[in-house]
Amino acid sequence: MLPVARDARTKSAELLTVRQVLDELGGISRRTFYRWRELRIAPACIRLPNGELRVRRDVLNDWLEERAEGVAS
């Protein structure tokens, strides 16, 4: 397997913390993110055994693309 392919796969499977997701979304508040979760409009999260949430980078990227305006398909 090529190292580049492995790096790309590893990057897409990267787990982001809630803080990292907030920063990637332009610095939205934690309250806004959790409100979106309640409304089921936030990107899908993974709950770790310790209770912390993570979002896969590829899930966040797909979620953002679905919400892009003015993009030709």
PDB file of N, CA and C in Angstrom:
ATOM      1  N   MET A   1       0.852  -1.184   0.000  1.00  0.00           N
ATOM      2  CA  MET A   1       0.000   0.000   0.000  1.00  0.00           C
ATOM      3  C   MET A   1       0.893   1.241   0.000  1.00  0.00           C
ATOM      4  N   LEU A   2       0.516   2.214  -0.753  1.00  0.00           N
ATOM      5  CA  LEU A   2       1.278   3.448  -0.831  1.00  0.00           C
ATOM      6  C   LEU A   2       1.136   4.248   0.459  1.00  0.00           C
ATOM      7  N   PRO A   3       2.214   4.876   0.925  1.00  0.00           N
ATOM      8  CA  PRO A   3       2.131   5.685   2.142  1.00  0.00           C
ATOM      9  C   PRO A   3       1.119   6.817   2.022  1.00  0.00           C
ATOM     10  N   VAL A   4       0.988   7.404   0.836  1.00  0.00           N
ATOM     11  CA  VAL A   4       0.043   8.504   0.640  1.00  0.00           C
ATOM     12  C   VAL A   4      -1.386   8.025   0.870  1.00  0.00           C
ATOM     13  N   ALA A   5      -1.727   6.854   0.336  1.00  0.00           N
ATOM     14  CA  ALA A   5      -3.075   6.316   0.516  1.00  0.00           C
ATOM     15  C   ALA A   5      -3.351   6.056   1.987  1.00  0.00           C
ATOM     16  N   ARG A   6      -2.366   5.531   2.689  1.00  0.00           N
ATOM     17  CA  ARG A   6      -2.546   5.265   4.116  1.00  0.00           C
ATOM     18  C   ARG A   6      -2.731   6.574   4.879  1.00  0.00           C
ATOM     19  N   ASP A   7      -1.931   7.594   4.559  1.00  0.00           N
ATOM     20  CA  ASP A   7      -2.056   8.887   5.223  1.00  0.00           C
ATOM     21  C   ASP A   7      -3.424   9.498   4.979  1.00  0.00           C
ATOM     22  N   ALA A   8      -3.930   9.391   3.750  1.00  0.00           N
ATOM     23  CA  ALA A   8      -5.249   9.944   3.427  1.00  0.00           C
ATOM     24  C   ALA A   8      -6.333   9.222   4.207  1.00  0.00           C
ATOM     25  N   ARG A   9      -6.225   7.900   4.307  1.00  0.00           N
ATOM     26  CA  ARG A   9      -7.222   7.123   5.044  1.00  0.00           C
ATOM     27  C   ARG A   9      -7.155   7.462   6.530  1.00  0.00           C
ATOM     28  N   THR A  10      -5.949   7.599   7.070  1.00  0.00           N
ATOM     29  CA  THR A  10      -5.778   7.945   8.476  1.00  0.00           C
ATOM     30  C   THR A  10      -6.362   9.321   8.753  1.00  0.00           C
ATOM     31  N   LYS A  11      -6.135  10.263   7.856  1.00  0.00           N
ATOM     32  CA  LYS A  11      -6.646  11.627   8.031  1.00  0.00           C
ATOM     33  C   LYS A  11      -8.168  11.637   8.033  1.00  0.00           C
ATOM     34  N   SER A  12      -8.805  10.861   7.148  1.00  0.00           N
ATOM     35  CA  SER A  12     -10.264  10.858   7.079  1.00  0.00           C
ATOM     36  C   SER A  12     -10.881  10.192   8.300  1.00  0.00           C
ATOM     37  N   ALA A  13     -10.143   9.270   8.932  1.00  0.00           N
ATOM     38  CA  ALA A  13     -10.653   8.573  10.112  1.00  0.00           C
ATOM     39  C   ALA A  13     -10.288   9.299  11.403  1.00  0.00           C
ATOM     40  N   GLU A  14      -9.618  10.438  11.299  1.00  0.00           N
ATOM     41  CA  GLU A  14      -9.202  11.199  12.469  1.00  0.00           C
ATOM     42  C   GLU A  14     -10.420  11.571  13.313  1.00  0.00           C
ATOM     43  N   LEU A  15     -10.293  11.408  14.620  1.00  0.00           N
ATOM     44  CA  LEU A  15     -11.370  11.782  15.533  1.00  0.00           C
ATOM     45  C   LEU A  15     -11.084  13.162  16.103  1.00  0.00           C
ATOM     46  N   LEU A  16     -12.039  14.068  15.934  1.00  0.00           N
ATOM     47  CA  LEU A  16     -11.904  15.436  16.424  1.00  0.00           C
ATOM     48  C   LEU A  16     -12.620  15.586  17.755  1.00  0.00           C
ATOM     49  N   THR A  17     -12.038  16.375  18.646  1.00  0.00           N
ATOM     50  CA  THR A  17     -12.712  16.701  19.902  1.00  0.00           C
ATOM     51  C   THR A  17     -13.801  17.731  19.618  1.00  0.00           C
ATOM     52  N   VAL A  18     -14.676  17.930  20.577  1.00  0.00           N
ATOM     53  CA  VAL A  18     -15.717  18.951  20.418  1.00  0.00           C
ATOM     54  C   VAL A  18     -15.062  20.312  20.218  1.00  0.00           C
ATOM     55  N   ARG A  19     -14.015  20.614  20.958  1.00  0.00           N
ATOM     56  CA  ARG A  19     -13.323  21.905  20.822  1.00  0.00           C
ATOM     57  C   ARG A  19     -12.797  22.078  19.400  1.00  0.00           C
ATOM     58  N   GLN A  20     -12.214  21.039  18.829  1.00  0.00           N
ATOM     59  CA  GLN A  20     -11.702  21.120  17.458  1.00  0.00           C
ATOM     60  C   GLN A  20     -12.836  21.346  16.465  1.00  0.00           C
ATOM     61  N   VAL A  21     -13.968  20.691  16.680  1.00  0.00           N
ATOM     62  CA  VAL A  21     -15.128  20.876  15.800  1.00  0.00           C
ATOM     63  C   VAL A  21     -15.625  22.313  15.901  1.00  0.00           C
ATOM     64  N   LEU A  22     -15.722  22.836  17.121  1.00  0.00           N
ATOM     65  CA  LEU A  22     -16.175  24.220  17.305  1.00  0.00           C
ATOM     66  C   LEU A  22     -15.264  25.178  16.552  1.00  0.00           C
ATOM     67  N   ASP A  23     -13.965  24.967  16.655  1.00  0.00           N
ATOM     68  CA  ASP A  23     -13.004  25.822  15.948  1.00  0.00           C
ATOM     69  C   ASP A  23     -13.163  25.702  14.436  1.00  0.00           C
ATOM     70  N   GLU A  24     -13.346  24.475  13.940  1.00  0.00           N
ATOM     71  CA  GLU A  24     -13.510  24.265  12.494  1.00  0.00           C
ATOM     72  C   GLU A  24     -14.793  24.909  11.976  1.00  0.00           C
ATOM     73  N   LEU A  25     -15.777  25.063  12.847  1.00  0.00           N
ATOM     74  CA  LEU A  25     -17.049  25.678  12.451  1.00  0.00           C
ATOM     75  C   LEU A  25     -17.044  27.182  12.705  1.00  0.00           C
ATOM     76  N   GLY A  26     -15.878  27.758  12.792  1.00  0.00           N
ATOM     77  CA  GLY A  26     -15.764  29.203  12.916  1.00  0.00           C
ATOM     78  C   GLY A  26     -15.855  29.718  14.333  1.00  0.00           C
ATOM     79  N   GLY A  27     -15.645  28.848  15.301  1.00  0.00           N
ATOM     80  CA  GLY A  27     -15.658  29.288  16.694  1.00  0.00           C
ATOM     81  C   GLY A  27     -17.045  29.381  17.301  1.00  0.00           C
ATOM     82  N   ILE A  28     -17.982  28.547  16.821  1.00  0.00           N
ATOM     83  CA  ILE A  28     -19.319  28.566  17.422  1.00  0.00           C
ATOM     84  C   ILE A  28     -19.212  28.162  18.889  1.00  0.00           C
ATOM     85  N   SER A  29     -20.218  28.505  19.660  1.00  0.00           N
ATOM     86  CA  SER A  29     -20.183  28.192  21.086  1.00  0.00           C
ATOM     87  C   SER A  29     -20.512  26.723  21.326  1.00  0.00           C
ATOM     88  N   ARG A  30     -20.033  26.226  22.451  1.00  0.00           N
ATOM     89  CA  ARG A  30     -20.335  24.855  22.862  1.00  0.00           C
ATOM     90  C   ARG A  30     -21.844  24.697  23.029  1.00  0.00           C
ATOM     91  N   ARG A  31     -22.493  25.729  23.544  1.00  0.00           N
ATOM     92  CA  ARG A  31     -23.948  25.694  23.737  1.00  0.00           C
ATOM     93  C   ARG A  31     -24.667  25.504  22.397  1.00  0.00           C
ATOM     94  N   THR A  32     -24.229  26.230  21.376  1.00  0.00           N
ATOM     95  CA  THR A  32     -24.828  26.091  20.046  1.00  0.00           C
ATOM     96  C   THR A  32     -24.658  24.671  19.526  1.00  0.00           C
ATOM     97  N   PHE A  33     -23.455  24.121  19.679  1.00  0.00           N
ATOM     98  CA  PHE A  33     -23.202  22.762  19.204  1.00  0.00           C
ATOM     99  C   PHE A  33     -24.128  21.768  19.896  1.00  0.00           C
ATOM    100  N   TYR A  34     -24.278  21.862  21.205  1.00  0.00           N
ATOM    101  CA  TYR A  34     -25.135  20.918  21.921  1.00  0.00           C
ATOM    102  C   TYR A  34     -26.614  21.148  21.608  1.00  0.00           C
ATOM    103  N   ARG A  35     -26.991  22.389  21.318  1.00  0.00           N
ATOM    104  CA  ARG A  35     -28.365  22.653  20.883  1.00  0.00           C
ATOM    105  C   ARG A  35     -28.606  21.993  19.523  1.00  0.00           C
ATOM    106  N   TRP A  36     -27.640  22.099  18.620  1.00  0.00           N
ATOM    107  CA  TRP A  36     -27.756  21.421  17.330  1.00  0.00           C
ATOM    108  C   TRP A  36     -27.888  19.920  17.526  1.00  0.00           C
ATOM    109  N   ARG A  37     -27.152  19.364  18.490  1.00  0.00           N
ATOM    110  CA  ARG A  37     -27.273  17.922  18.765  1.00  0.00           C
ATOM    111  C   ARG A  37     -28.681  17.578  19.231  1.00  0.00           C
ATOM    112  N   GLU A  38     -29.246  18.412  20.106  1.00  0.00           N
ATOM    113  CA  GLU A  38     -30.620  18.179  20.576  1.00  0.00           C
ATOM    114  C   GLU A  38     -31.605  18.216  19.419  1.00  0.00           C
ATOM    115  N   LEU A  39     -31.371  19.117  18.478  1.00  0.00           N
ATOM    116  CA  LEU A  39     -32.244  19.262  17.309  1.00  0.00           C
ATOM    117  C   LEU A  39     -31.907  18.255  16.207  1.00  0.00           C
ATOM    118  N   ARG A  40     -30.889  17.466  16.425  1.00  0.00           N
ATOM    119  CA  ARG A  40     -30.425  16.446  15.475  1.00  0.00           C
ATOM    120  C   ARG A  40     -29.979  17.049  14.138  1.00  0.00           C
ATOM    121  N   ILE A  41     -29.333  18.216  14.217  1.00  0.00           N
ATOM    122  CA  ILE A  41     -28.793  18.837  13.010  1.00  0.00           C
ATOM    123  C   ILE A  41     -27.269  18.950  13.054  1.00  0.00           C
ATOM    124  N   ALA A  42     -26.661  18.513  14.135  1.00  0.00           N
ATOM    125  CA  ALA A  42     -25.199  18.526  14.266  1.00  0.00           C
ATOM    126  C   ALA A  42     -24.617  17.317  13.540  1.00  0.00           C
ATOM    127  N   PRO A  43     -23.334  17.366  13.225  1.00  0.00           N
ATOM    128  CA  PRO A  43     -22.710  16.177  12.637  1.00  0.00           C
ATOM    129  C   PRO A  43     -22.766  15.009  13.625  1.00  0.00           C
ATOM    130  N   ALA A  44     -22.826  13.807  13.093  1.00  0.00           N
ATOM    131  CA  ALA A  44     -22.902  12.610  13.939  1.00  0.00           C
ATOM    132  C   ALA A  44     -21.665  12.512  14.828  1.00  0.00           C
ATOM    133  N   CYS A  45     -21.904  12.154  16.082  1.00  0.00           N
ATOM    134  CA  CYS A  45     -20.827  12.049  17.065  1.00  0.00           C
ATOM    135  C   CYS A  45     -20.647  10.609  17.522  1.00  0.00           C
ATOM    136  N   ILE A  46     -19.472  10.343  18.029  1.00  0.00           N
ATOM    137  CA  ILE A  46     -19.153   9.064  18.653  1.00  0.00           C
ATOM    138  C   ILE A  46     -18.947   9.350  20.134  1.00  0.00           C
ATOM    139  N   ARG A  47     -19.647   8.607  20.992  1.00  0.00           N
ATOM    140  CA  ARG A  47     -19.443   8.769  22.432  1.00  0.00           C
ATOM    141  C   ARG A  47     -18.439   7.716  22.891  1.00  0.00           C
ATOM    142  N   LEU A  48     -17.344   8.184  23.470  1.00  0.00           N
ATOM    143  CA  LEU A  48     -16.308   7.294  23.969  1.00  0.00           C
ATOM    144  C   LEU A  48     -16.738   6.690  25.306  1.00  0.00           C
ATOM    145  N   PRO A  49     -16.102   5.604  25.736  1.00  0.00           N
ATOM    146  CA  PRO A  49     -16.460   4.992  27.017  1.00  0.00           C
ATOM    147  C   PRO A  49     -16.371   5.952  28.207  1.00  0.00           C
ATOM    148  N   ASN A  50     -15.509   6.968  28.114  1.00  0.00           N
ATOM    149  CA  ASN A  50     -15.397   7.937  29.209  1.00  0.00           C
ATOM    150  C   ASN A  50     -16.449   9.044  29.116  1.00  0.00           C
ATOM    151  N   GLY A  51     -17.343   8.966  28.122  1.00  0.00           N
ATOM    152  CA  GLY A  51     -18.423   9.933  27.979  1.00  0.00           C
ATOM    153  C   GLY A  51     -18.120  11.096  27.051  1.00  0.00           C
ATOM    154  N   GLU A  52     -16.861  11.264  26.672  1.00  0.00           N
ATOM    155  CA  GLU A  52     -16.503  12.365  25.780  1.00  0.00           C
ATOM    156  C   GLU A  52     -16.990  12.079  24.369  1.00  0.00           C
ATOM    157  N   LEU A  53     -17.254  13.160  23.629  1.00  0.00           N
ATOM    158  CA  LEU A  53     -17.713  13.041  22.245  1.00  0.00           C
ATOM    159  C   LEU A  53     -16.561  13.268  21.283  1.00  0.00           C
ATOM    160  N   ARG A  54     -16.634  12.585  20.151  1.00  0.00           N
ATOM    161  CA  ARG A  54     -15.698  12.796  19.055  1.00  0.00           C
ATOM    162  C   ARG A  54     -16.489  12.806  17.757  1.00  0.00           C
ATOM    163  N   VAL A  55     -15.953  13.515  16.767  1.00  0.00           N
ATOM    164  CA  VAL A  55     -16.547  13.558  15.428  1.00  0.00           C
ATOM    165  C   VAL A  55     -15.455  13.151  14.447  1.00  0.00           C
ATOM    166  N   ARG A  56     -15.761  12.191  13.585  1.00  0.00           N
ATOM    167  CA  ARG A  56     -14.792  11.803  12.563  1.00  0.00           C
ATOM    168  C   ARG A  56     -14.643  12.938  11.565  1.00  0.00           C
ATOM    169  N   ARG A  57     -13.413  13.200  11.163  1.00  0.00           N
ATOM    170  CA  ARG A  57     -13.147  14.304  10.226  1.00  0.00           C
ATOM    171  C   ARG A  57     -13.944  14.146   8.941  1.00  0.00           C
ATOM    172  N   ASP A  58     -14.021  12.933   8.389  1.00  0.00           N
ATOM    173  CA  ASP A  58     -14.756  12.749   7.135  1.00  0.00           C
ATOM    174  C   ASP A  58     -16.248  13.000   7.329  1.00  0.00           C
ATOM    175  N   VAL A  59     -16.785  12.685   8.497  1.00  0.00           N
ATOM    176  CA  VAL A  59     -18.197  12.968   8.786  1.00  0.00           C
ATOM    177  C   VAL A  59     -18.421  14.475   8.840  1.00  0.00           C
ATOM    178  N   LEU A  60     -17.519  15.206   9.492  1.00  0.00           N
ATOM    179  CA  LEU A  60     -17.641  16.668   9.556  1.00  0.00           C
ATOM    180  C   LEU A  60     -17.539  17.271   8.159  1.00  0.00           C
ATOM    181  N   ASN A  61     -16.588  16.806   7.359  1.00  0.00           N
ATOM    182  CA  ASN A  61     -16.434  17.334   5.997  1.00  0.00           C
ATOM    183  C   ASN A  61     -17.685  17.081   5.158  1.00  0.00           C
ATOM    184  N   ASP A  62     -18.237  15.871   5.246  1.00  0.00           N
ATOM    185  CA  ASP A  62     -19.467  15.550   4.508  1.00  0.00           C
ATOM    186  C   ASP A  62     -20.622  16.419   4.987  1.00  0.00           C
ATOM    187  N   TRP A  63     -20.732  16.595   6.295  1.00  0.00           N
ATOM    188  CA  TRP A  63     -21.794  17.412   6.893  1.00  0.00           C
ATOM    189  C   TRP A  63     -21.704  18.847   6.366  1.00  0.00           C
ATOM    190  N   LEU A  64     -20.494  19.388   6.297  1.00  0.00           N
ATOM    191  CA  LEU A  64     -20.303  20.747   5.782  1.00  0.00           C
ATOM    192  C   LEU A  64     -20.663  20.836   4.301  1.00  0.00           C
ATOM    193  N   GLU A  65     -20.258  19.849   3.517  1.00  0.00           N
ATOM    194  CA  GLU A  65     -20.570  19.851   2.083  1.00  0.00           C
ATOM    195  C   GLU A  65     -22.071  19.805   1.837  1.00  0.00           C
ATOM    196  N   GLU A  66     -22.800  19.053   2.655  1.00  0.00           N
ATOM    197  CA  GLU A  66     -24.257  18.968   2.511  1.00  0.00           C
ATOM    198  C   GLU A  66     -24.921  20.322   2.745  1.00  0.00           C
ATOM    199  N   ARG A  67     -24.274  21.183   3.505  1.00  0.00           N
ATOM    200  CA  ARG A  67     -24.854  22.476   3.845  1.00  0.00           C
ATOM    201  C   ARG A  67     -24.310  23.629   3.010  1.00  0.00           C
ATOM    202  N   ALA A  68     -23.418  23.328   2.088  1.00  0.00           N
ATOM    203  CA  ALA A  68     -22.833  24.370   1.246  1.00  0.00           C
ATOM    204  C   ALA A  68     -23.904  24.962   0.340  1.00  0.00           C
ATOM    205  N   GLU A  69     -23.895  26.280   0.240  1.00  0.00           N
ATOM    206  CA  GLU A  69     -24.855  26.978  -0.621  1.00  0.00           C
ATOM    207  C   GLU A  69     -24.166  27.403  -1.903  1.00  0.00           C
ATOM    208  N   GLY A  70     -24.911  27.350  -2.989  1.00  0.00           N
ATOM    209  CA  GLY A  70     -24.404  27.844  -4.258  1.00  0.00           C
ATOM    210  C   GLY A  70     -23.335  26.976  -4.892  1.00  0.00           C
ATOM    211  N   VAL A  71     -23.270  25.718  -4.496  1.00  0.00           N
ATOM    212  CA  VAL A  71     -22.289  24.808  -5.079  1.00  0.00           C
ATOM    213  C   VAL A  71     -22.985  23.968  -6.138  1.00  0.00           C
ATOM    214  N   ALA A  72     -22.439  23.986  -7.351  1.00  0.00           N
ATOM    215  CA  ALA A  72     -23.022  23.181  -8.434  1.00  0.00           C
ATOM    216  C   ALA A  72     -22.730  21.713  -8.192  1.00  0.00           C
ATOM    217  N   SER A  73     -23.743  20.874  -8.381  1.00  0.00           N
ATOM    218  CA  SER A  73     -23.551  19.430  -8.182  1.00  0.00           C
ATOM    219  C   SER A  73     -23.345  18.733  -9.496  1.00  0.00           C
TER     220      SER A  73
END
